[in-house]
N, C-alpha and C. Protein backbone atom coordinates (compact mmCIF):
# COMPACT_ATOMS: atom_id res chain seq x y z
N MET A 1 -0.58 9.71 49.51
CA MET A 1 -0.06 9.51 48.15
C MET A 1 -1.30 10.14 47.62
N ASP A 2 -1.17 10.46 46.24
CA ASP A 2 -2.13 10.80 45.52
C ASP A 2 -2.70 9.79 44.35
N THR A 3 -3.87 9.37 44.95
CA THR A 3 -4.84 8.24 44.27
C THR A 3 -4.94 8.42 42.87
N ASN A 4 -4.85 9.26 42.39
CA ASN A 4 -5.32 9.68 41.21
C ASN A 4 -4.14 9.61 40.13
N ALA A 5 -2.83 10.08 40.74
CA ALA A 5 -1.43 10.36 40.01
C ALA A 5 -1.12 8.86 39.82
N PHE A 6 -1.42 7.84 41.38
CA PHE A 6 -0.64 6.66 41.52
C PHE A 6 -1.75 5.47 40.01
N ASP A 7 -2.53 6.03 40.24
CA ASP A 7 -4.08 4.92 39.49
C ASP A 7 -3.24 5.48 37.64
N ALA A 8 -3.14 6.76 37.43
CA ALA A 8 -3.32 7.11 35.79
C ALA A 8 -0.87 6.69 35.63
N GLU A 9 -0.34 7.10 36.43
CA GLU A 9 1.17 6.88 36.20
C GLU A 9 1.62 5.31 36.41
N GLY A 10 1.13 4.85 37.66
CA GLY A 10 1.53 3.81 38.04
C GLY A 10 2.39 3.56 39.14
N PHE A 11 2.40 4.57 39.36
CA PHE A 11 3.65 4.12 40.94
C PHE A 11 3.58 5.96 41.42
N GLY A 12 4.27 5.80 42.96
CA GLY A 12 4.55 6.69 43.44
C GLY A 12 5.04 7.13 43.99
N ILE A 13 6.48 8.14 45.19
CA ILE A 13 7.26 8.15 45.65
C ILE A 13 6.98 8.61 47.07
N THR A 14 6.68 8.40 48.50
CA THR A 14 6.24 8.64 49.92
C THR A 14 7.18 9.73 50.25
N PRO A 15 7.45 10.58 51.25
CA PRO A 15 8.35 10.91 51.93
C PRO A 15 8.32 10.12 53.09
N PRO A 16 9.38 9.89 53.58
CA PRO A 16 10.26 9.00 55.16
C PRO A 16 9.06 8.49 55.52
N ILE A 17 9.09 7.11 55.86
CA ILE A 17 7.82 6.56 56.91
C ILE A 17 8.57 6.32 57.89
N LEU A 18 9.69 5.55 57.43
CA LEU A 18 10.99 5.27 58.97
C LEU A 18 11.64 6.23 59.08
N SER A 19 12.31 6.56 60.21
CA SER A 19 13.65 7.06 60.72
C SER A 19 15.04 6.59 60.30
N GLY A 20 15.55 7.07 60.69
CA GLY A 20 17.36 6.75 60.65
C GLY A 20 17.32 5.86 61.41
N ALA A 21 16.89 5.87 62.97
CA ALA A 21 17.23 4.77 63.52
C ALA A 21 16.21 3.58 63.64
N GLU A 22 15.03 3.43 62.87
CA GLU A 22 14.00 2.53 62.62
C GLU A 22 14.95 1.51 61.28
N CYS A 23 15.91 2.24 60.49
CA CYS A 23 16.46 1.57 59.15
C CYS A 23 17.59 1.02 59.85
N LEU A 24 18.25 1.57 60.67
CA LEU A 24 19.14 0.99 61.60
C LEU A 24 18.55 -0.17 62.43
N ALA A 25 17.56 0.18 63.09
CA ALA A 25 16.62 -1.33 63.72
C ALA A 25 16.68 -2.78 62.49
N ILE A 26 16.30 -2.26 61.45
CA ILE A 26 15.88 -3.44 60.61
C ILE A 26 17.15 -3.75 59.58
N GLU A 27 18.68 -3.13 59.78
CA GLU A 27 19.46 -3.54 59.28
C GLU A 27 19.99 -4.95 60.15
N THR A 28 19.96 -4.29 61.96
CA THR A 28 20.66 -5.17 63.70
C THR A 28 19.85 -6.49 62.62
N CYS A 29 18.15 -6.40 62.36
CA CYS A 29 17.07 -7.59 62.56
C CYS A 29 17.52 -8.62 61.15
N MET A 30 18.60 -7.90 59.81
CA MET A 30 19.03 -8.71 58.60
C MET A 30 20.00 -8.89 58.74
N THR A 31 21.17 -9.17 60.15
CA THR A 31 22.31 -9.61 60.15
C THR A 31 22.85 -11.17 60.25
N GLY A 32 22.93 -11.60 60.11
CA GLY A 32 23.15 -13.12 59.35
C GLY A 32 22.05 -13.77 58.59
N ILE A 33 21.31 -12.67 58.16
CA ILE A 33 20.40 -13.28 57.45
C ILE A 33 20.39 -13.21 55.70
N ILE A 34 21.13 -12.20 55.38
CA ILE A 34 21.14 -11.90 54.09
C ILE A 34 22.79 -12.26 54.02
N GLY A 35 24.08 -12.77 54.38
CA GLY A 35 25.09 -13.17 54.07
C GLY A 35 25.72 -12.15 53.15
N ALA A 36 26.65 -12.63 52.27
CA ALA A 36 27.54 -11.81 51.05
C ALA A 36 26.71 -11.79 50.24
N GLY A 37 25.78 -11.90 49.62
CA GLY A 37 24.94 -12.01 48.24
C GLY A 37 24.44 -10.37 48.06
N ILE A 38 23.49 -10.49 47.26
CA ILE A 38 23.52 -9.43 46.73
C ILE A 38 21.47 -9.18 46.70
N GLY A 39 21.16 -10.21 47.59
CA GLY A 39 19.46 -9.72 47.55
C GLY A 39 18.97 -11.11 48.30
N THR A 40 17.84 -11.35 48.59
CA THR A 40 16.97 -12.74 49.12
C THR A 40 15.88 -12.62 49.24
N ARG A 41 14.71 -13.44 48.39
CA ARG A 41 13.67 -13.57 48.19
C ARG A 41 12.88 -13.96 49.32
N ASN A 42 13.08 -14.59 50.93
CA ASN A 42 12.48 -15.09 51.81
C ASN A 42 12.50 -14.44 53.34
N LEU A 43 12.52 -13.08 53.32
CA LEU A 43 12.78 -12.06 54.22
C LEU A 43 10.89 -12.46 54.85
N LEU A 44 9.92 -12.92 54.15
CA LEU A 44 8.39 -12.33 54.87
C LEU A 44 8.36 -13.38 56.13
N GLY A 45 8.98 -14.85 55.62
CA GLY A 45 8.77 -15.59 56.99
C GLY A 45 9.48 -15.18 58.13
N HIS A 46 10.27 -13.94 57.96
CA HIS A 46 10.46 -13.91 60.02
C HIS A 46 9.80 -12.93 60.10
N ASP A 47 9.55 -12.77 61.73
CA ASP A 47 8.38 -11.64 62.57
C ASP A 47 8.92 -10.09 61.91
N TRP A 48 10.19 -9.90 62.74
CA TRP A 48 10.36 -8.57 62.25
C TRP A 48 9.73 -8.38 61.22
N CYS A 49 9.72 -8.81 60.19
CA CYS A 49 9.48 -8.26 58.06
C CYS A 49 7.83 -8.42 58.06
N LYS A 50 7.33 -9.59 59.00
CA LYS A 50 5.69 -9.46 59.34
C LYS A 50 5.37 -8.50 59.57
N LYS A 51 6.26 -8.27 60.83
CA LYS A 51 5.32 -6.80 61.67
C LYS A 51 5.87 -4.98 60.58
N LEU A 52 6.62 -5.28 59.74
CA LEU A 52 7.10 -4.11 58.78
C LEU A 52 6.03 -4.02 58.03
N ALA A 53 5.63 -5.60 57.78
CA ALA A 53 4.94 -5.07 56.54
C ALA A 53 3.42 -5.12 56.96
N VAL A 54 2.68 -5.00 58.18
CA VAL A 54 1.87 -4.59 58.50
C VAL A 54 1.80 -3.37 58.67
N SER A 55 2.88 -3.02 59.27
CA SER A 55 3.21 -1.12 59.80
C SER A 55 3.33 -0.26 58.08
N LEU A 56 4.07 -1.38 57.30
CA LEU A 56 3.65 -0.01 55.81
C LEU A 56 2.31 -0.03 55.23
N LYS A 57 1.62 -1.02 55.90
CA LYS A 57 0.04 -1.09 54.64
C LYS A 57 -0.77 -0.47 55.72
N GLU A 58 -0.02 -0.48 56.92
CA GLU A 58 -0.87 0.69 57.78
C GLU A 58 -0.77 2.62 57.63
N SER A 59 0.53 2.13 57.09
CA SER A 59 0.99 4.02 56.82
C SER A 59 0.06 4.86 55.74
N PRO A 60 -0.49 5.61 56.44
CA PRO A 60 -1.31 6.88 55.30
C PRO A 60 -1.09 7.49 54.65
N PHE A 61 0.08 7.08 53.81
CA PHE A 61 1.09 7.33 52.79
C PHE A 61 0.88 5.83 51.41
N ILE A 62 0.65 5.27 51.92
CA ILE A 62 0.44 4.14 51.41
C ILE A 62 -0.69 3.33 51.56
N ARG A 63 -1.59 3.44 52.90
CA ARG A 63 -2.57 2.46 52.72
C ARG A 63 -3.75 3.29 51.98
N PRO A 64 -3.63 4.30 51.09
CA PRO A 64 -4.75 4.56 50.27
C PRO A 64 -4.52 4.13 48.90
N VAL A 65 -3.23 3.31 48.25
CA VAL A 65 -3.54 2.61 46.73
C VAL A 65 -3.41 1.09 47.36
N LEU A 66 -3.86 0.52 48.68
CA LEU A 66 -3.72 -0.85 49.25
C LEU A 66 -6.12 -1.00 48.97
N SER A 67 -6.21 -2.21 49.06
CA SER A 67 -7.53 -2.47 48.88
C SER A 67 -7.68 -3.46 50.02
N GLY A 68 -9.04 -3.10 50.56
CA GLY A 68 -8.67 -3.65 52.29
C GLY A 68 -8.57 -4.92 52.09
N ASP A 69 -8.75 -5.98 51.44
CA ASP A 69 -8.48 -7.40 51.16
C ASP A 69 -6.72 -7.93 51.00
N HIS A 70 -6.22 -6.82 50.90
CA HIS A 70 -4.67 -7.24 50.62
C HIS A 70 -3.92 -7.89 51.70
N VAL A 71 -2.86 -8.24 51.09
CA VAL A 71 -1.76 -9.13 52.41
C VAL A 71 -0.44 -8.59 51.74
N ALA A 72 0.16 -8.71 52.58
CA ALA A 72 1.56 -9.11 52.09
C ALA A 72 2.05 -9.95 51.86
N VAL A 73 2.49 -10.70 51.01
CA VAL A 73 2.48 -11.91 49.95
C VAL A 73 4.31 -12.35 49.41
N GLN A 74 4.81 -11.10 49.89
CA GLN A 74 6.55 -11.51 49.47
C GLN A 74 7.09 -10.08 49.94
N CYS A 75 8.42 -10.38 50.19
CA CYS A 75 9.19 -9.40 50.71
C CYS A 75 10.66 -9.70 50.12
N THR A 76 11.08 -8.71 49.10
CA THR A 76 12.71 -9.14 48.64
C THR A 76 13.86 -7.95 48.73
N TYR A 77 14.81 -8.45 49.10
CA TYR A 77 15.90 -7.74 49.54
C TYR A 77 16.88 -7.33 48.25
N PHE A 78 17.04 -6.31 48.35
CA PHE A 78 18.30 -5.99 47.22
C PHE A 78 19.48 -4.80 47.41
N GLU A 79 20.40 -5.39 47.53
CA GLU A 79 21.70 -4.16 47.98
C GLU A 79 22.79 -4.24 46.36
N LYS A 80 22.48 -3.00 45.89
CA LYS A 80 23.38 -2.60 45.23
C LYS A 80 24.53 -1.92 45.38
N SER A 81 25.72 -1.56 44.93
CA SER A 81 26.68 -1.07 45.09
C SER A 81 27.60 -0.87 44.44
N LYS A 82 28.73 -0.14 44.34
CA LYS A 82 29.53 -0.04 43.20
C LYS A 82 30.76 -1.84 43.13
N GLU A 83 30.65 -2.08 44.32
CA GLU A 83 31.19 -3.66 44.76
C GLU A 83 30.06 -4.81 43.99
N GLN A 84 29.02 -4.62 44.69
CA GLN A 84 27.74 -5.67 44.12
C GLN A 84 26.74 -5.15 43.50
N ASN A 85 27.07 -5.22 41.70
CA ASN A 85 26.20 -4.16 40.84
C ASN A 85 25.70 -4.82 39.68
N TRP A 86 24.39 -3.93 39.41
CA TRP A 86 24.11 -4.62 38.19
C TRP A 86 23.35 -4.02 37.73
N LEU A 87 22.86 -4.29 36.56
CA LEU A 87 21.67 -3.37 35.71
C LEU A 87 20.78 -4.33 35.51
N VAL A 88 19.57 -3.87 35.24
CA VAL A 88 18.38 -4.42 34.91
C VAL A 88 17.49 -3.49 33.46
N PRO A 89 17.49 -4.38 32.72
CA PRO A 89 17.19 -3.94 31.46
C PRO A 89 15.45 -3.63 31.71
N ILE A 90 14.97 -2.99 30.56
CA ILE A 90 13.14 -2.61 31.24
C ILE A 90 12.65 -3.97 30.62
N HIS A 91 11.61 -4.31 32.10
CA HIS A 91 10.74 -4.83 32.07
C HIS A 91 9.63 -5.23 33.00
N GLN A 92 8.75 -6.48 33.33
CA GLN A 92 7.70 -5.93 33.64
C GLN A 92 7.87 -7.01 34.73
N ASP A 93 6.97 -6.95 36.31
CA ASP A 93 7.28 -8.12 37.07
C ASP A 93 6.37 -9.09 37.10
N LEU A 94 6.06 -10.76 36.39
CA LEU A 94 5.29 -11.18 36.31
C LEU A 94 4.84 -11.94 37.44
N SER A 95 5.61 -12.60 38.07
CA SER A 95 5.55 -13.77 38.86
C SER A 95 5.21 -13.49 40.10
N ILE A 96 4.16 -14.28 40.65
CA ILE A 96 3.96 -14.52 41.99
C ILE A 96 5.09 -15.94 42.66
N PRO A 97 5.02 -15.59 44.17
CA PRO A 97 5.40 -17.06 45.10
C PRO A 97 3.79 -17.68 45.55
N VAL A 98 4.16 -18.76 45.04
CA VAL A 98 2.70 -19.82 45.51
C VAL A 98 3.11 -20.86 46.59
N ARG A 99 2.33 -21.18 47.13
CA ARG A 99 2.44 -22.88 47.91
C ARG A 99 2.88 -23.63 47.43
N ASP A 100 1.61 -24.92 46.54
CA ASP A 100 2.00 -25.33 45.23
C ASP A 100 1.65 -25.10 44.01
N ARG A 101 2.45 -25.74 43.07
CA ARG A 101 2.08 -26.48 41.44
C ARG A 101 0.33 -25.91 41.59
N VAL A 102 -0.61 -25.82 40.89
CA VAL A 102 -1.53 -25.66 40.52
C VAL A 102 -2.01 -26.31 38.83
N GLN A 103 -2.33 -27.10 38.44
CA GLN A 103 -2.28 -27.36 36.99
C GLN A 103 -3.57 -26.29 36.13
N HIS A 104 -3.42 -25.60 35.32
CA HIS A 104 -4.58 -24.47 35.08
C HIS A 104 -4.02 -23.88 33.82
N ALA A 105 -4.98 -23.81 32.84
CA ALA A 105 -3.94 -23.76 31.42
C ALA A 105 -3.73 -21.95 31.05
N GLU A 106 -4.22 -21.28 32.28
CA GLU A 106 -3.67 -20.03 32.33
C GLU A 106 -2.89 -19.54 33.61
N LEU A 107 -2.51 -20.72 34.11
CA LEU A 107 -1.08 -20.69 35.16
C LEU A 107 0.49 -21.09 33.98
N THR A 108 1.05 -20.27 34.10
CA THR A 108 2.35 -20.63 32.95
C THR A 108 3.26 -20.27 33.40
N GLY A 109 4.64 -20.29 33.05
CA GLY A 109 5.85 -20.02 33.85
C GLY A 109 6.47 -20.57 34.98
N TRP A 110 5.96 -21.63 35.29
CA TRP A 110 6.21 -22.35 36.42
C TRP A 110 7.81 -22.22 37.16
N SER A 111 8.22 -21.93 37.80
CA SER A 111 9.81 -21.80 38.25
C SER A 111 9.82 -22.01 39.50
N ALA A 112 11.36 -22.51 40.56
CA ALA A 112 11.45 -22.45 41.72
C ALA A 112 13.37 -21.67 41.93
N LYS A 113 12.41 -21.01 43.14
CA LYS A 113 13.39 -19.69 43.03
C LYS A 113 13.85 -19.89 45.00
N GLU A 114 15.22 -20.28 45.21
CA GLU A 114 15.10 -20.01 46.61
C GLU A 114 14.13 -21.13 47.77
N ALA A 115 14.25 -22.23 47.08
CA ALA A 115 12.90 -23.06 47.38
C ALA A 115 11.30 -22.47 48.05
N ALA A 116 11.64 -21.78 46.71
CA ALA A 116 9.55 -21.49 46.35
C ALA A 116 9.32 -21.23 45.28
N VAL A 117 8.23 -21.58 45.21
CA VAL A 117 7.44 -21.73 43.68
C VAL A 117 6.80 -20.73 43.40
N PHE A 118 7.05 -20.51 41.67
CA PHE A 118 6.38 -18.97 40.97
C PHE A 118 5.67 -19.46 39.81
N VAL A 119 5.11 -18.55 40.01
CA VAL A 119 4.16 -18.80 38.66
C VAL A 119 3.81 -17.32 37.79
N GLN A 120 3.52 -17.31 36.68
CA GLN A 120 2.66 -16.24 36.28
C GLN A 120 1.21 -16.11 35.86
N PRO A 121 0.60 -15.60 36.81
CA PRO A 121 -0.96 -15.82 37.20
C PRO A 121 -1.28 -14.75 35.77
N PRO A 122 -2.96 -14.97 35.12
CA PRO A 122 -3.43 -13.99 34.15
C PRO A 122 -2.98 -12.61 34.67
N THR A 123 -3.17 -11.89 33.74
CA THR A 123 -3.08 -10.37 34.02
C THR A 123 -3.91 -9.65 34.76
N ALA A 124 -5.30 -9.72 34.88
CA ALA A 124 -6.37 -9.38 35.95
C ALA A 124 -5.57 -9.58 37.42
N LEU A 125 -5.47 -10.73 37.96
CA LEU A 125 -4.22 -10.82 39.02
C LEU A 125 -3.43 -9.66 39.01
N LEU A 126 -2.30 -9.75 38.05
CA LEU A 126 -1.26 -8.89 38.09
C LEU A 126 -1.94 -7.27 38.12
N GLU A 127 -2.71 -7.49 38.00
CA GLU A 127 -3.33 -5.69 37.90
C GLU A 127 -3.71 -5.60 38.98
N LYS A 128 -3.97 -6.72 39.99
CA LYS A 128 -4.05 -5.72 41.29
C LYS A 128 -3.24 -5.89 42.24
N LEU A 129 -1.81 -6.01 42.42
CA LEU A 129 -1.03 -6.17 43.37
C LEU A 129 -0.36 -4.92 43.42
N VAL A 130 0.66 -4.19 44.22
CA VAL A 130 0.83 -3.26 44.33
C VAL A 130 2.17 -3.93 44.99
N ALA A 131 3.30 -2.98 44.83
CA ALA A 131 4.46 -3.09 45.66
C ALA A 131 5.28 -1.98 46.05
N VAL A 132 6.07 -2.26 47.08
CA VAL A 132 6.02 -1.06 47.70
C VAL A 132 8.09 -1.18 48.04
N ARG A 133 8.51 -0.57 47.66
CA ARG A 133 10.31 -0.61 47.49
C ARG A 133 9.90 0.31 49.04
N LEU A 134 10.90 -0.44 49.73
CA LEU A 134 11.23 0.89 51.42
C LEU A 134 12.59 0.76 51.00
N HIS A 135 13.25 1.55 50.96
CA HIS A 135 14.75 1.98 50.76
C HIS A 135 15.42 2.34 52.27
N LEU A 136 16.48 1.62 52.39
CA LEU A 136 17.48 1.78 53.54
C LEU A 136 18.25 2.73 53.67
N ASP A 137 18.64 3.66 52.37
CA ASP A 137 19.66 4.73 52.11
C ASP A 137 19.09 5.38 51.17
N ASP A 138 19.60 6.45 51.36
CA ASP A 138 19.27 7.66 49.92
C ASP A 138 19.58 7.39 48.64
N CYS A 139 19.15 7.00 47.83
CA CYS A 139 18.86 6.38 46.39
C CYS A 139 19.05 7.72 45.87
N GLN A 140 20.10 7.88 45.18
CA GLN A 140 20.40 8.97 44.04
C GLN A 140 20.66 8.51 42.78
N VAL A 141 20.94 9.99 41.72
CA VAL A 141 20.86 9.03 40.68
C VAL A 141 21.93 8.58 40.48
N GLY A 142 23.20 8.35 41.12
CA GLY A 142 24.39 7.52 40.99
C GLY A 142 24.50 6.44 41.46
N ASP A 143 23.06 5.64 42.51
CA ASP A 143 23.36 4.75 43.14
C ASP A 143 22.58 3.67 42.21
N GLY A 144 22.07 4.13 40.75
CA GLY A 144 21.37 2.67 40.33
C GLY A 144 19.69 2.81 40.45
N PRO A 145 19.42 3.91 40.67
CA PRO A 145 17.73 4.10 41.31
C PRO A 145 17.00 3.21 39.52
N LEU A 146 15.82 3.40 40.61
CA LEU A 146 14.21 2.62 39.12
C LEU A 146 14.55 3.73 38.23
N ARG A 147 14.20 3.60 37.22
CA ARG A 147 13.68 4.12 36.36
C ARG A 147 12.38 3.71 35.93
N VAL A 148 11.07 4.52 35.15
CA VAL A 148 9.96 3.45 35.51
C VAL A 148 9.11 4.90 33.78
N VAL A 149 8.44 3.70 32.95
CA VAL A 149 8.06 4.21 32.13
C VAL A 149 6.55 4.62 32.45
N PRO A 150 6.22 6.05 32.66
CA PRO A 150 4.52 6.13 33.65
C PRO A 150 3.24 5.52 32.71
N GLY A 151 2.38 5.09 32.88
CA GLY A 151 1.06 4.93 32.49
C GLY A 151 1.13 3.27 31.94
N THR A 152 2.32 2.57 31.62
CA THR A 152 2.67 1.46 31.24
C THR A 152 1.79 0.48 31.96
N HIS A 153 1.45 0.29 32.57
CA HIS A 153 1.01 -0.67 34.09
C HIS A 153 -0.29 -0.98 33.41
N LYS A 154 -1.00 0.07 32.79
CA LYS A 154 -2.42 -0.60 31.96
C LYS A 154 -2.51 -0.41 30.68
N LEU A 155 -1.28 -1.30 30.06
CA LEU A 155 -0.89 -2.15 28.50
C LEU A 155 -0.98 -3.37 28.78
N GLY A 156 -1.27 -4.27 29.77
CA GLY A 156 -1.17 -5.69 30.02
C GLY A 156 0.23 -6.13 30.09
N ARG A 157 0.42 -7.33 29.70
CA ARG A 157 1.43 -8.20 29.35
C ARG A 157 2.44 -7.37 28.49
N LEU A 158 3.43 -6.95 27.97
CA LEU A 158 4.05 -6.26 26.64
C LEU A 158 5.21 -7.11 26.47
N ASN A 159 5.42 -7.46 25.38
CA ASN A 159 6.57 -8.37 25.17
C ASN A 159 7.58 -7.59 24.40
N ASN A 160 9.22 -8.09 24.91
CA ASN A 160 10.45 -7.18 24.37
C ASN A 160 10.15 -6.21 23.53
N GLU A 161 9.61 -6.31 22.54
CA GLU A 161 9.11 -5.02 21.66
C GLU A 161 9.15 -4.42 21.52
N SER A 162 7.49 -4.90 22.00
CA SER A 162 6.63 -3.47 22.76
C SER A 162 6.89 -2.47 23.96
N ALA A 163 7.69 -3.16 24.65
CA ALA A 163 8.27 -2.66 25.83
C ALA A 163 9.07 -1.98 25.41
N LEU A 164 10.08 -1.74 24.48
CA LEU A 164 11.37 -0.75 24.54
C LEU A 164 10.18 0.28 23.38
N TYR A 165 9.42 -0.27 22.29
CA TYR A 165 8.68 1.42 21.65
C TYR A 165 7.73 1.90 22.66
N GLU A 166 7.43 1.51 23.86
CA GLU A 166 6.68 2.08 24.57
C GLU A 166 7.52 3.08 25.87
N ARG A 167 8.87 2.34 25.99
CA ARG A 167 9.87 3.20 26.77
C ARG A 167 10.29 4.53 25.63
N ASP A 168 10.61 4.02 24.38
CA ASP A 168 11.13 5.55 23.54
C ASP A 168 9.89 5.88 23.19
N LYS A 169 8.59 5.95 23.38
CA LYS A 169 7.52 6.79 23.05
C LYS A 169 7.33 7.65 24.15
N ARG A 170 7.24 7.24 25.37
CA ARG A 170 6.75 7.74 26.28
C ARG A 170 7.80 8.24 27.18
N GLY A 171 8.87 7.84 27.38
CA GLY A 171 10.15 8.20 28.04
C GLY A 171 10.24 7.91 29.10
N GLU A 172 11.16 7.79 29.90
CA GLU A 172 11.51 7.07 31.17
C GLU A 172 11.87 8.18 32.35
N THR A 173 11.35 7.65 33.92
CA THR A 173 11.21 8.70 35.05
C THR A 173 12.27 7.93 35.93
N VAL A 174 13.05 8.90 36.47
CA VAL A 174 13.66 8.68 37.05
C VAL A 174 13.53 8.91 38.08
N CYS A 175 13.84 7.87 39.53
CA CYS A 175 12.97 7.88 40.85
C CYS A 175 13.86 7.54 41.83
N PRO A 176 14.57 8.82 42.43
CA PRO A 176 15.47 9.11 43.16
C PRO A 176 14.73 8.89 44.44
N VAL A 177 14.73 8.47 45.62
CA VAL A 177 14.12 7.93 47.08
C VAL A 177 15.00 8.51 48.21
N GLU A 178 14.60 8.93 49.05
CA GLU A 178 15.37 9.21 50.14
C GLU A 178 15.36 7.86 51.08
N ARG A 179 15.95 7.90 52.05
CA ARG A 179 16.19 7.07 53.02
C ARG A 179 15.03 7.03 53.68
N GLY A 180 14.61 5.42 54.30
CA GLY A 180 13.17 5.49 54.49
C GLY A 180 11.68 5.28 54.37
N ALA A 181 12.00 6.25 53.22
CA ALA A 181 10.68 6.83 52.11
C ALA A 181 10.73 5.39 51.06
N ALA A 182 9.29 5.17 50.45
CA ALA A 182 9.47 4.27 49.52
C ALA A 182 8.72 4.96 48.33
N LEU A 183 9.11 3.64 47.46
CA LEU A 183 8.81 3.92 45.88
C LEU A 183 7.45 2.67 45.88
N VAL A 184 6.76 3.47 45.30
CA VAL A 184 4.99 2.35 45.30
C VAL A 184 4.84 2.36 44.11
N MET A 185 4.97 1.13 43.35
CA MET A 185 3.98 0.72 42.10
C MET A 185 3.29 -0.40 41.79
N ARG A 186 3.14 -0.31 40.61
CA ARG A 186 1.71 -1.53 40.19
C ARG A 186 3.10 -2.15 39.26
N PRO A 187 2.98 -3.24 39.72
CA PRO A 187 4.46 -4.27 39.03
C PRO A 187 4.19 -4.50 37.69
N LEU A 188 3.07 -4.10 37.13
CA LEU A 188 3.43 -4.47 35.22
C LEU A 188 3.67 -3.08 34.87
N LEU A 189 4.50 -2.08 35.32
CA LEU A 189 4.97 -0.96 35.29
C LEU A 189 5.65 -1.15 34.53
N LEU A 190 6.62 -1.02 33.73
CA LEU A 190 7.51 -0.90 32.80
C LEU A 190 8.61 -0.12 33.47
N HIS A 191 9.99 -0.88 34.12
CA HIS A 191 10.94 -0.67 34.87
C HIS A 191 11.89 -1.04 34.31
N ALA A 192 12.87 -0.27 34.73
CA ALA A 192 14.85 -0.88 34.89
C ALA A 192 15.40 -0.22 35.48
N SER A 193 16.63 -0.38 35.78
CA SER A 193 17.87 0.35 36.92
C SER A 193 19.16 0.09 36.16
N SER A 194 19.79 1.26 36.70
CA SER A 194 21.30 1.24 35.64
C SER A 194 22.06 1.13 36.84
N ARG A 195 23.22 0.78 35.94
CA ARG A 195 24.64 0.14 37.71
C ARG A 195 24.97 1.41 38.45
N ALA A 196 25.00 1.08 39.46
CA ALA A 196 25.94 1.64 40.28
C ALA A 196 26.91 2.36 40.07
N SER A 197 26.78 3.86 40.58
CA SER A 197 28.54 4.55 39.72
C SER A 197 28.32 5.67 40.71
N GLY A 198 28.25 5.72 42.54
CA GLY A 198 28.38 6.31 43.55
C GLY A 198 29.00 4.93 44.23
N SER A 199 29.63 6.24 45.43
CA SER A 199 30.15 5.37 46.33
C SER A 199 29.26 4.59 47.25
N SER A 200 28.27 5.28 47.26
CA SER A 200 26.83 4.63 48.63
C SER A 200 26.29 3.14 48.16
N LYS A 201 25.59 2.61 49.34
CA LYS A 201 24.84 1.59 48.48
C LYS A 201 23.48 1.94 48.30
N ARG A 202 22.53 0.75 47.66
CA ARG A 202 21.50 0.80 47.38
C ARG A 202 20.53 0.05 48.56
N ARG A 203 20.07 0.04 48.93
CA ARG A 203 19.76 -1.47 49.90
C ARG A 203 17.98 -1.24 49.76
N VAL A 204 17.47 -1.99 49.32
CA VAL A 204 15.46 -1.99 48.93
C VAL A 204 15.22 -3.35 49.65
N LEU A 205 14.44 -3.35 50.31
CA LEU A 205 13.13 -4.00 51.05
C LEU A 205 11.96 -4.16 49.92
N HIS A 206 11.72 -4.69 49.06
CA HIS A 206 10.67 -4.69 47.87
C HIS A 206 9.48 -5.45 48.23
N PHE A 207 8.18 -5.56 49.41
CA PHE A 207 7.32 -5.58 49.26
C PHE A 207 5.92 -5.99 48.23
N VAL A 208 5.88 -6.94 48.48
CA VAL A 208 4.04 -7.25 47.21
C VAL A 208 2.75 -7.76 48.08
N TYR A 209 2.21 -6.62 48.06
CA TYR A 209 0.98 -7.17 48.16
C TYR A 209 -0.70 -7.14 47.27
N GLY A 210 -0.96 -8.37 47.90
CA GLY A 210 -1.76 -8.38 46.39
C GLY A 210 -3.65 -9.14 47.76
N PRO A 211 -4.48 -9.60 47.11
CA PRO A 211 -5.27 -9.99 46.89
C PRO A 211 -5.39 -11.53 48.07
N GLY A 212 -6.07 -11.15 48.85
CA GLY A 212 -6.00 -12.59 50.14
C GLY A 212 -6.32 -13.92 48.88
N ASP A 213 -8.00 -13.85 48.76
CA ASP A 213 -7.63 -14.95 47.59
C ASP A 213 -7.21 -14.74 46.65
N LEU A 214 -6.82 -16.12 45.99
CA LEU A 214 -5.98 -15.88 44.47
C LEU A 214 -7.40 -17.29 43.84
N PRO A 215 -7.30 -16.94 41.96
CA PRO A 215 -8.19 -17.72 41.95
C PRO A 215 -7.22 -19.38 41.49
N PHE A 216 -8.04 -20.12 40.88
CA PHE A 216 -8.05 -21.76 40.87
C PHE A 216 -7.10 -22.83 41.75
N GLY A 217 -7.13 -22.30 42.74
CA GLY A 217 -7.06 -23.40 44.18
C GLY A 217 -5.84 -22.78 44.18
N LEU A 218 -4.91 -21.83 43.57
CA LEU A 218 -3.90 -21.42 44.67
C LEU A 218 -3.70 -20.36 45.34
N ARG A 219 -2.39 -20.66 46.56
CA ARG A 219 -2.42 -19.99 48.02
C ARG A 219 -0.95 -19.33 47.94
N TRP A 220 -1.20 -18.50 48.50
CA TRP A 220 0.28 -17.48 48.70
C TRP A 220 1.04 -18.21 49.47
N GLN A 221 2.49 -18.25 48.76
CA GLN A 221 3.19 -19.00 50.32
C GLN A 221 3.64 -17.99 51.49
N HIS A 222 3.22 -17.37 51.58
CA HIS A 222 3.21 -16.48 52.98
C HIS A 222 1.63 -15.00 52.62
N ALA A 223 1.21 -15.04 53.25
CA ALA A 223 0.32 -14.04 53.30
C ALA A 223 -0.33 -13.43 54.78
N VAL A 224 0.68 -11.95 55.11
CA VAL A 224 0.63 -11.60 56.17
C VAL A 224 -0.41 -9.86 56.36
């Protein structure tokens, strides 16, 4: 991956990292875990997911945009299709999963999701995170791919009005991704997605990598 382009635009798309057979093996591992829902946030507790997180970190397409102390801290699964469909408005990803609540003025937006604790940390920490969205299916224009606003990861936290302004000023880039490939991005990058209109699925494993050590006595829920 071109690190200069990634630093400037806040995202990049890799060629296929996994083969079709490897994608099928992941699907087998997820059998019985996902159920009939549209996703889950708790996959990183499974051994197969931990191994995959390490493998992705070592990929020559992803390693250049990670720091030496980066660890995998979350893996979320999304499945979108015409039957399980939704749209996501323009936003930034601001919350991280941690083990316990810590009282500090710079820690806000505490919440609980799927028995995990989430918090919004300072912008300085969010700027260090890298998300790797591994696609288990070809994701084309009709499959509800992510749309991103290049360069907005450098603007800090944006309220809704500012986010819409930056989207209209800069324009959106649609990000189709091949099966087994990944969209790599900074979570502060403005992004959105439309409803799926095609007949295929859009299944994604969304990994988040961050620094191993956290401020204020925080600890990651998982660190791989």
